[in-house]
Amino acid sequence: MPDHGHTTNTVNLDGQLAVAAVDFRSTRVYAIDAESMSRPERITAADPRGLSKNVYHRAGNPDGTYEDDSDEYWRDLAHHLERADSIVLLGHGKGKASAAQHLVAWMTHHASATASKVVAVLRVDIDDLTDEQVLRLGQQAFGIDPARDHGDSQRGAE
């Protein structure tokens, strides 16, 4: 059955620092300086042809580049990120295989105001990162020291 894309757990990015783990099929978005950093917003690309498990062509694609998604997915991502003050993008792959770099290129042409808010694009294995690890990478990129657990599980509470 075709998937028409969706967003779950909408995060308020108004005036926040955002970190997004970008993939060609789904993206996790966090507001790292918000009071509650527990659950990310998830934006999923539409998959009207039901091909989400096959994102590349074996035949007729000798260079192995990924097939572009529709502009709707990139437009949705740019729209969700435009409210943030600054953005760090995480992605895996290099060149044409990097969804994060593809998003930056798309935003440069179609949403330049949002593209100008991107302060870093980091190459990491986003599939293996937990939500907390994504947050920590975002905090490091923005120079924010994470709250420390002093052995009492209070995470910096006084």
N, C-alpha and C. Protein backbone atom coordinates (compact mmCIF):
# COMPACT_ATOMS: atom_id res chain seq x y z
N MET A 1 0.85 -1.18 0.00
CA MET A 1 0.00 0.00 0.00
C MET A 1 0.89 1.24 0.00
N PRO A 2 0.61 2.23 -0.82
CA PRO A 2 1.45 3.42 -0.89
C PRO A 2 1.37 4.25 0.37
N ASP A 3 2.48 4.88 0.70
CA ASP A 3 2.57 5.75 1.86
C ASP A 3 2.61 7.19 1.35
N HIS A 4 1.84 8.07 1.97
CA HIS A 4 1.76 9.46 1.51
C HIS A 4 2.58 10.41 2.37
N GLY A 5 3.47 9.88 3.19
CA GLY A 5 4.31 10.72 4.02
C GLY A 5 3.55 11.27 5.20
N HIS A 6 4.25 11.51 6.29
CA HIS A 6 3.60 12.05 7.46
C HIS A 6 4.62 12.59 8.46
N THR A 7 4.10 13.31 9.44
CA THR A 7 4.90 13.87 10.51
C THR A 7 4.30 13.41 11.83
N THR A 8 5.14 12.96 12.75
CA THR A 8 4.67 12.57 14.07
C THR A 8 5.41 13.36 15.14
N ASN A 9 4.75 13.55 16.26
CA ASN A 9 5.33 14.21 17.43
C ASN A 9 5.95 15.57 17.08
N THR A 10 5.14 16.47 16.57
CA THR A 10 5.62 17.78 16.15
C THR A 10 6.35 18.50 17.28
N VAL A 11 7.54 19.00 16.99
CA VAL A 11 8.39 19.70 17.95
C VAL A 11 8.35 21.19 17.61
N ASN A 12 8.19 22.03 18.63
CA ASN A 12 8.19 23.47 18.43
C ASN A 12 9.63 23.96 18.28
N LEU A 13 9.98 24.40 17.09
CA LEU A 13 11.34 24.87 16.80
C LEU A 13 11.46 26.39 16.84
N ASP A 14 10.39 27.09 17.19
CA ASP A 14 10.42 28.56 17.20
C ASP A 14 11.55 29.08 18.07
N GLY A 15 12.55 29.72 17.43
CA GLY A 15 13.65 30.31 18.16
C GLY A 15 14.59 29.32 18.80
N GLN A 16 14.54 28.06 18.41
CA GLN A 16 15.34 27.01 19.03
C GLN A 16 16.55 26.66 18.17
N LEU A 17 17.49 25.95 18.76
CA LEU A 17 18.59 25.34 18.03
C LEU A 17 18.10 23.94 17.65
N ALA A 18 18.23 23.58 16.39
CA ALA A 18 17.70 22.30 15.92
C ALA A 18 18.81 21.41 15.41
N VAL A 19 18.63 20.11 15.63
CA VAL A 19 19.50 19.10 15.03
C VAL A 19 18.58 18.12 14.33
N ALA A 20 18.95 17.75 13.09
CA ALA A 20 18.14 16.83 12.31
C ALA A 20 19.00 15.72 11.75
N ALA A 21 18.59 14.48 11.98
CA ALA A 21 19.23 13.30 11.40
C ALA A 21 18.48 12.99 10.11
N VAL A 22 19.10 13.32 8.97
CA VAL A 22 18.41 13.31 7.67
C VAL A 22 18.77 12.06 6.88
N ASP A 23 17.74 11.42 6.38
CA ASP A 23 17.85 10.23 5.56
C ASP A 23 16.96 10.46 4.33
N PHE A 24 17.10 9.67 3.30
CA PHE A 24 16.28 9.87 2.10
C PHE A 24 14.82 9.48 2.33
N ARG A 25 14.51 8.75 3.37
CA ARG A 25 13.14 8.31 3.62
C ARG A 25 12.51 8.88 4.89
N SER A 26 13.31 9.24 5.87
CA SER A 26 12.75 9.81 7.10
C SER A 26 13.80 10.66 7.79
N THR A 27 13.32 11.59 8.61
CA THR A 27 14.20 12.51 9.33
C THR A 27 13.71 12.66 10.75
N ARG A 28 14.66 12.65 11.70
CA ARG A 28 14.36 12.93 13.10
C ARG A 28 14.82 14.35 13.39
N VAL A 29 13.93 15.18 13.95
CA VAL A 29 14.24 16.58 14.23
C VAL A 29 14.09 16.84 15.73
N TYR A 30 15.09 17.50 16.32
CA TYR A 30 15.10 17.79 17.75
C TYR A 30 15.33 19.29 17.97
N ALA A 31 14.70 19.83 18.99
CA ALA A 31 15.01 21.18 19.47
C ALA A 31 15.93 20.97 20.67
N ILE A 32 17.23 21.17 20.50
CA ILE A 32 18.17 20.75 21.55
C ILE A 32 18.22 21.69 22.74
N ASP A 33 17.70 22.91 22.61
CA ASP A 33 17.71 23.80 23.77
C ASP A 33 16.32 23.96 24.37
N ALA A 34 15.40 23.08 23.99
CA ALA A 34 14.05 23.12 24.58
C ALA A 34 14.08 22.44 25.95
N GLU A 35 13.08 22.72 26.77
CA GLU A 35 13.03 22.12 28.09
C GLU A 35 12.93 20.60 28.01
N SER A 36 12.11 20.10 27.11
CA SER A 36 11.96 18.66 26.96
C SER A 36 12.60 18.22 25.66
N MET A 37 13.69 17.48 25.77
CA MET A 37 14.40 17.02 24.59
C MET A 37 14.18 15.52 24.39
N SER A 38 13.08 14.99 24.92
CA SER A 38 12.94 13.55 24.98
C SER A 38 12.53 12.89 23.67
N ARG A 39 11.60 13.47 22.91
CA ARG A 39 11.11 12.80 21.72
C ARG A 39 11.29 13.67 20.48
N PRO A 40 11.83 13.08 19.42
CA PRO A 40 12.03 13.85 18.19
C PRO A 40 10.76 13.93 17.35
N GLU A 41 10.72 14.93 16.51
CA GLU A 41 9.71 15.01 15.47
C GLU A 41 10.20 14.10 14.35
N ARG A 42 9.32 13.30 13.81
CA ARG A 42 9.70 12.41 12.71
C ARG A 42 8.93 12.80 11.46
N ILE A 43 9.68 13.05 10.40
CA ILE A 43 9.09 13.42 9.11
C ILE A 43 9.45 12.29 8.14
N THR A 44 8.42 11.71 7.54
CA THR A 44 8.62 10.59 6.64
C THR A 44 8.23 10.98 5.22
N ALA A 45 9.05 10.58 4.28
CA ALA A 45 8.78 10.89 2.87
C ALA A 45 7.60 10.09 2.36
N ALA A 46 6.87 10.69 1.46
CA ALA A 46 5.79 9.97 0.78
C ALA A 46 6.41 8.87 -0.07
N ASP A 47 5.73 7.76 -0.16
CA ASP A 47 6.20 6.64 -0.97
C ASP A 47 5.02 6.08 -1.76
N PRO A 48 4.50 6.87 -2.71
CA PRO A 48 3.28 6.47 -3.42
C PRO A 48 3.43 5.19 -4.23
N ARG A 49 4.65 4.85 -4.63
CA ARG A 49 4.84 3.63 -5.41
C ARG A 49 5.24 2.44 -4.53
N GLY A 50 5.35 2.64 -3.22
CA GLY A 50 5.69 1.55 -2.31
C GLY A 50 7.09 1.01 -2.51
N LEU A 51 8.05 1.89 -2.80
CA LEU A 51 9.42 1.46 -3.08
C LEU A 51 10.40 1.77 -1.97
N SER A 52 9.94 2.03 -0.77
CA SER A 52 10.84 2.51 0.28
C SER A 52 11.94 1.53 0.63
N LYS A 53 11.77 0.27 0.34
CA LYS A 53 12.83 -0.70 0.63
C LYS A 53 13.84 -0.78 -0.51
N ASN A 54 13.55 -0.15 -1.65
CA ASN A 54 14.45 -0.18 -2.80
C ASN A 54 14.69 1.25 -3.26
N VAL A 55 15.70 1.89 -2.70
CA VAL A 55 15.93 3.30 -2.99
C VAL A 55 16.93 3.52 -4.13
N TYR A 56 17.39 2.44 -4.75
CA TYR A 56 18.31 2.59 -5.86
C TYR A 56 17.94 1.58 -6.94
N HIS A 57 18.44 1.80 -8.12
CA HIS A 57 18.18 0.90 -9.24
C HIS A 57 19.41 0.04 -9.47
N ARG A 58 19.20 -1.24 -9.62
CA ARG A 58 20.32 -2.12 -9.93
C ARG A 58 20.64 -2.08 -11.42
N ALA A 59 19.62 -2.09 -12.24
CA ALA A 59 19.83 -2.08 -13.69
C ALA A 59 19.72 -0.65 -14.21
N GLY A 60 20.56 -0.31 -15.14
CA GLY A 60 20.49 1.00 -15.76
C GLY A 60 20.98 2.12 -14.86
N ASN A 61 21.72 1.77 -13.80
CA ASN A 61 22.22 2.78 -12.88
C ASN A 61 23.67 2.42 -12.51
N PRO A 62 24.57 2.46 -13.48
CA PRO A 62 25.93 1.98 -13.23
C PRO A 62 26.71 2.80 -12.20
N ASP A 63 26.33 4.07 -11.99
CA ASP A 63 27.08 4.85 -11.01
C ASP A 63 26.55 4.67 -9.59
N GLY A 64 25.41 3.95 -9.42
CA GLY A 64 24.90 3.62 -8.09
C GLY A 64 24.32 4.78 -7.31
N THR A 65 24.01 5.91 -7.97
CA THR A 65 23.46 7.05 -7.24
C THR A 65 22.02 6.77 -6.81
N TYR A 66 21.61 7.40 -5.75
CA TYR A 66 20.27 7.23 -5.23
C TYR A 66 19.26 7.99 -6.07
N GLU A 67 18.06 7.43 -6.14
CA GLU A 67 16.98 8.09 -6.85
C GLU A 67 16.44 9.21 -5.98
N ASP A 68 16.28 10.39 -6.55
CA ASP A 68 15.74 11.52 -5.79
C ASP A 68 14.30 11.28 -5.39
N ASP A 69 13.97 11.73 -4.20
CA ASP A 69 12.58 11.74 -3.78
C ASP A 69 11.91 12.93 -4.43
N SER A 70 10.64 13.01 -4.26
CA SER A 70 9.92 14.15 -4.80
C SER A 70 10.31 15.40 -4.02
N ASP A 71 10.09 16.54 -4.63
CA ASP A 71 10.38 17.80 -3.94
C ASP A 71 9.51 17.97 -2.69
N GLU A 72 8.40 17.26 -2.62
CA GLU A 72 7.50 17.40 -1.47
C GLU A 72 8.20 17.08 -0.14
N TYR A 73 9.01 16.03 -0.12
CA TYR A 73 9.73 15.65 1.10
C TYR A 73 10.72 16.75 1.51
N TRP A 74 11.51 17.24 0.56
CA TRP A 74 12.49 18.28 0.87
C TRP A 74 11.78 19.57 1.27
N ARG A 75 10.66 19.87 0.64
CA ARG A 75 9.86 21.05 0.99
C ARG A 75 9.33 20.93 2.42
N ASP A 76 8.83 19.74 2.78
CA ASP A 76 8.35 19.51 4.14
C ASP A 76 9.46 19.70 5.17
N LEU A 77 10.64 19.15 4.87
CA LEU A 77 11.77 19.31 5.80
C LEU A 77 12.15 20.77 5.96
N ALA A 78 12.27 21.48 4.85
CA ALA A 78 12.63 22.90 4.91
C ALA A 78 11.58 23.68 5.68
N HIS A 79 10.32 23.36 5.46
CA HIS A 79 9.23 24.05 6.17
C HIS A 79 9.32 23.81 7.68
N HIS A 80 9.59 22.58 8.09
CA HIS A 80 9.69 22.28 9.52
C HIS A 80 10.93 22.93 10.15
N LEU A 81 12.01 23.02 9.40
CA LEU A 81 13.25 23.58 9.94
C LEU A 81 13.31 25.10 9.90
N GLU A 82 12.47 25.75 9.09
CA GLU A 82 12.57 27.20 8.92
C GLU A 82 12.33 27.99 10.20
N ARG A 83 11.64 27.42 11.17
CA ARG A 83 11.35 28.13 12.42
C ARG A 83 12.53 28.16 13.37
N ALA A 84 13.51 27.29 13.16
CA ALA A 84 14.68 27.22 14.05
C ALA A 84 15.60 28.41 13.82
N ASP A 85 16.33 28.79 14.88
CA ASP A 85 17.33 29.85 14.76
C ASP A 85 18.58 29.36 14.03
N SER A 86 19.03 28.15 14.38
CA SER A 86 20.22 27.55 13.78
C SER A 86 19.98 26.05 13.66
N ILE A 87 20.65 25.44 12.68
CA ILE A 87 20.39 24.04 12.36
C ILE A 87 21.71 23.29 12.18
N VAL A 88 21.79 22.09 12.77
CA VAL A 88 22.87 21.15 12.51
C VAL A 88 22.22 19.94 11.85
N LEU A 89 22.78 19.52 10.71
CA LEU A 89 22.27 18.35 10.00
C LEU A 89 23.24 17.19 10.17
N LEU A 90 22.69 16.02 10.43
CA LEU A 90 23.48 14.79 10.51
C LEU A 90 23.05 13.90 9.36
N GLY A 91 24.00 13.27 8.72
CA GLY A 91 23.68 12.35 7.64
C GLY A 91 24.81 11.39 7.41
N HIS A 92 24.50 10.30 6.71
CA HIS A 92 25.57 9.37 6.36
C HIS A 92 25.72 9.35 4.84
N GLY A 93 26.79 8.82 4.40
CA GLY A 93 27.07 8.81 2.97
C GLY A 93 27.88 10.03 2.56
N LYS A 94 28.36 9.98 1.32
CA LYS A 94 29.14 11.09 0.77
C LYS A 94 28.54 11.50 -0.56
N GLY A 95 28.69 12.76 -0.89
CA GLY A 95 28.27 13.25 -2.20
C GLY A 95 26.79 13.03 -2.45
N LYS A 96 26.48 12.40 -3.59
CA LYS A 96 25.08 12.18 -3.97
C LYS A 96 24.36 11.21 -3.04
N ALA A 97 25.10 10.42 -2.27
CA ALA A 97 24.49 9.46 -1.35
C ALA A 97 24.17 10.09 0.00
N SER A 98 24.48 11.36 0.20
CA SER A 98 24.23 12.04 1.46
C SER A 98 22.92 12.81 1.39
N ALA A 99 21.92 12.35 2.14
CA ALA A 99 20.63 13.05 2.17
C ALA A 99 20.78 14.43 2.79
N ALA A 100 21.65 14.56 3.80
CA ALA A 100 21.85 15.86 4.45
C ALA A 100 22.41 16.88 3.45
N GLN A 101 23.37 16.46 2.65
CA GLN A 101 23.93 17.37 1.65
C GLN A 101 22.92 17.65 0.53
N HIS A 102 22.11 16.65 0.20
CA HIS A 102 21.06 16.87 -0.79
C HIS A 102 20.06 17.91 -0.28
N LEU A 103 19.70 17.82 1.01
CA LEU A 103 18.78 18.79 1.60
C LEU A 103 19.36 20.20 1.55
N VAL A 104 20.63 20.35 1.89
CA VAL A 104 21.27 21.67 1.84
C VAL A 104 21.24 22.22 0.41
N ALA A 105 21.56 21.37 -0.56
CA ALA A 105 21.55 21.82 -1.96
C ALA A 105 20.13 22.22 -2.38
N TRP A 106 19.13 21.42 -1.98
CA TRP A 106 17.75 21.74 -2.33
C TRP A 106 17.33 23.07 -1.69
N MET A 107 17.66 23.23 -0.39
CA MET A 107 17.27 24.46 0.30
C MET A 107 18.00 25.68 -0.27
N THR A 108 19.23 25.51 -0.73
CA THR A 108 19.97 26.63 -1.32
C THR A 108 19.22 27.20 -2.52
N HIS A 109 18.58 26.33 -3.29
CA HIS A 109 17.85 26.77 -4.48
C HIS A 109 16.40 27.13 -4.21
N HIS A 110 15.77 26.51 -3.19
CA HIS A 110 14.33 26.67 -3.00
C HIS A 110 13.93 27.31 -1.67
N ALA A 111 14.82 27.32 -0.69
CA ALA A 111 14.51 27.88 0.62
C ALA A 111 15.79 28.46 1.21
N SER A 112 16.33 29.49 0.55
CA SER A 112 17.65 30.01 0.91
C SER A 112 17.71 30.57 2.33
N ALA A 113 16.60 31.11 2.83
CA ALA A 113 16.60 31.62 4.20
C ALA A 113 16.83 30.49 5.20
N THR A 114 16.24 29.33 4.95
CA THR A 114 16.44 28.17 5.83
C THR A 114 17.84 27.61 5.64
N ALA A 115 18.33 27.55 4.41
CA ALA A 115 19.68 27.05 4.14
C ALA A 115 20.73 27.89 4.88
N SER A 116 20.49 29.18 5.00
CA SER A 116 21.46 30.06 5.67
C SER A 116 21.55 29.79 7.17
N LYS A 117 20.60 29.08 7.72
CA LYS A 117 20.60 28.76 9.16
C LYS A 117 21.40 27.50 9.47
N VAL A 118 21.81 26.76 8.45
CA VAL A 118 22.58 25.53 8.66
C VAL A 118 24.01 25.91 9.04
N VAL A 119 24.42 25.52 10.24
CA VAL A 119 25.76 25.87 10.73
C VAL A 119 26.75 24.71 10.56
N ALA A 120 26.24 23.48 10.39
CA ALA A 120 27.13 22.33 10.22
C ALA A 120 26.36 21.17 9.60
N VAL A 121 27.09 20.39 8.79
CA VAL A 121 26.57 19.13 8.26
C VAL A 121 27.60 18.08 8.67
N LEU A 122 27.21 17.17 9.54
CA LEU A 122 28.12 16.16 10.07
C LEU A 122 27.82 14.80 9.46
N ARG A 123 28.87 14.10 9.09
CA ARG A 123 28.71 12.76 8.52
C ARG A 123 28.89 11.72 9.63
N VAL A 124 27.80 11.06 9.97
CA VAL A 124 27.80 10.03 11.01
C VAL A 124 26.86 8.90 10.58
N ASP A 125 26.94 7.77 11.24
CA ASP A 125 26.05 6.65 10.93
C ASP A 125 24.75 6.86 11.69
N ILE A 126 23.81 7.60 11.10
CA ILE A 126 22.60 7.98 11.82
C ILE A 126 21.70 6.80 12.14
N ASP A 127 21.80 5.71 11.39
CA ASP A 127 20.95 4.54 11.66
C ASP A 127 21.25 3.92 13.01
N ASP A 128 22.50 4.02 13.46
CA ASP A 128 22.89 3.39 14.72
C ASP A 128 22.88 4.34 15.91
N LEU A 129 22.52 5.61 15.71
CA LEU A 129 22.52 6.57 16.81
C LEU A 129 21.20 6.55 17.56
N THR A 130 21.29 6.56 18.88
CA THR A 130 20.09 6.70 19.70
C THR A 130 19.67 8.17 19.70
N ASP A 131 18.46 8.44 20.18
CA ASP A 131 18.00 9.82 20.26
C ASP A 131 18.95 10.65 21.13
N GLU A 132 19.40 10.09 22.24
CA GLU A 132 20.30 10.83 23.12
C GLU A 132 21.64 11.14 22.44
N GLN A 133 22.14 10.21 21.65
CA GLN A 133 23.40 10.44 20.94
C GLN A 133 23.25 11.55 19.88
N VAL A 134 22.11 11.58 19.20
CA VAL A 134 21.86 12.64 18.23
C VAL A 134 21.84 13.99 18.95
N LEU A 135 21.17 14.06 20.09
CA LEU A 135 21.14 15.29 20.87
C LEU A 135 22.54 15.72 21.29
N ARG A 136 23.35 14.78 21.75
CA ARG A 136 24.71 15.11 22.20
C ARG A 136 25.55 15.64 21.04
N LEU A 137 25.42 15.03 19.87
CA LEU A 137 26.17 15.53 18.70
C LEU A 137 25.74 16.95 18.36
N GLY A 138 24.44 17.22 18.43
CA GLY A 138 23.95 18.58 18.20
C GLY A 138 24.49 19.56 19.23
N GLN A 139 24.48 19.14 20.50
CA GLN A 139 25.01 20.01 21.55
C GLN A 139 26.49 20.30 21.33
N GLN A 140 27.26 19.28 20.95
CA GLN A 140 28.68 19.49 20.69
C GLN A 140 28.88 20.46 19.53
N ALA A 141 28.10 20.31 18.48
CA ALA A 141 28.24 21.20 17.31
C ALA A 141 27.92 22.65 17.67
N PHE A 142 26.99 22.85 18.60
CA PHE A 142 26.64 24.20 19.02
C PHE A 142 27.47 24.68 20.21
N GLY A 143 28.38 23.84 20.72
CA GLY A 143 29.21 24.23 21.86
C GLY A 143 28.47 24.27 23.17
N ILE A 144 27.44 23.45 23.32
CA ILE A 144 26.64 23.39 24.55
C ILE A 144 27.13 22.22 25.39
N ASP A 145 27.43 22.48 26.66
CA ASP A 145 27.81 21.40 27.57
C ASP A 145 26.56 20.69 28.06
N PRO A 146 26.50 19.36 27.89
CA PRO A 146 25.32 18.64 28.37
C PRO A 146 25.27 18.61 29.89
N ALA A 147 24.06 18.52 30.42
CA ALA A 147 23.90 18.39 31.87
C ALA A 147 24.55 17.09 32.31
N ARG A 148 25.28 17.12 33.38
CA ARG A 148 25.99 15.94 33.87
C ARG A 148 25.19 15.25 34.96
N ASP A 149 25.29 13.93 34.97
CA ASP A 149 24.67 13.14 36.03
C ASP A 149 25.71 12.99 37.13
N HIS A 150 25.40 13.51 38.30
CA HIS A 150 26.35 13.48 39.42
C HIS A 150 26.15 12.26 40.29
N GLY A 151 25.66 11.17 39.70
CA GLY A 151 25.48 9.93 40.46
C GLY A 151 24.14 9.85 41.16
N ASP A 152 23.34 10.91 41.09
CA ASP A 152 22.04 10.89 41.76
C ASP A 152 20.89 10.91 40.76
N SER A 153 21.21 10.72 39.49
CA SER A 153 20.24 10.70 38.39
C SER A 153 19.45 11.99 38.26
N GLN A 154 19.97 13.10 38.73
CA GLN A 154 19.27 14.37 38.66
C GLN A 154 19.68 15.20 37.47
N ARG A 155 20.68 14.78 36.69
CA ARG A 155 21.12 15.46 35.47
C ARG A 155 21.31 16.97 35.64
N GLY A 156 22.13 17.33 36.57
CA GLY A 156 22.47 18.74 36.73
C GLY A 156 21.52 19.52 37.63
N ALA A 157 20.47 18.87 38.14
CA ALA A 157 19.54 19.58 39.03
C ALA A 157 20.25 19.97 40.31
N GLU A 158 19.89 21.08 40.84
CA GLU A 158 20.55 21.57 42.05
C GLU A 158 19.78 21.19 43.27
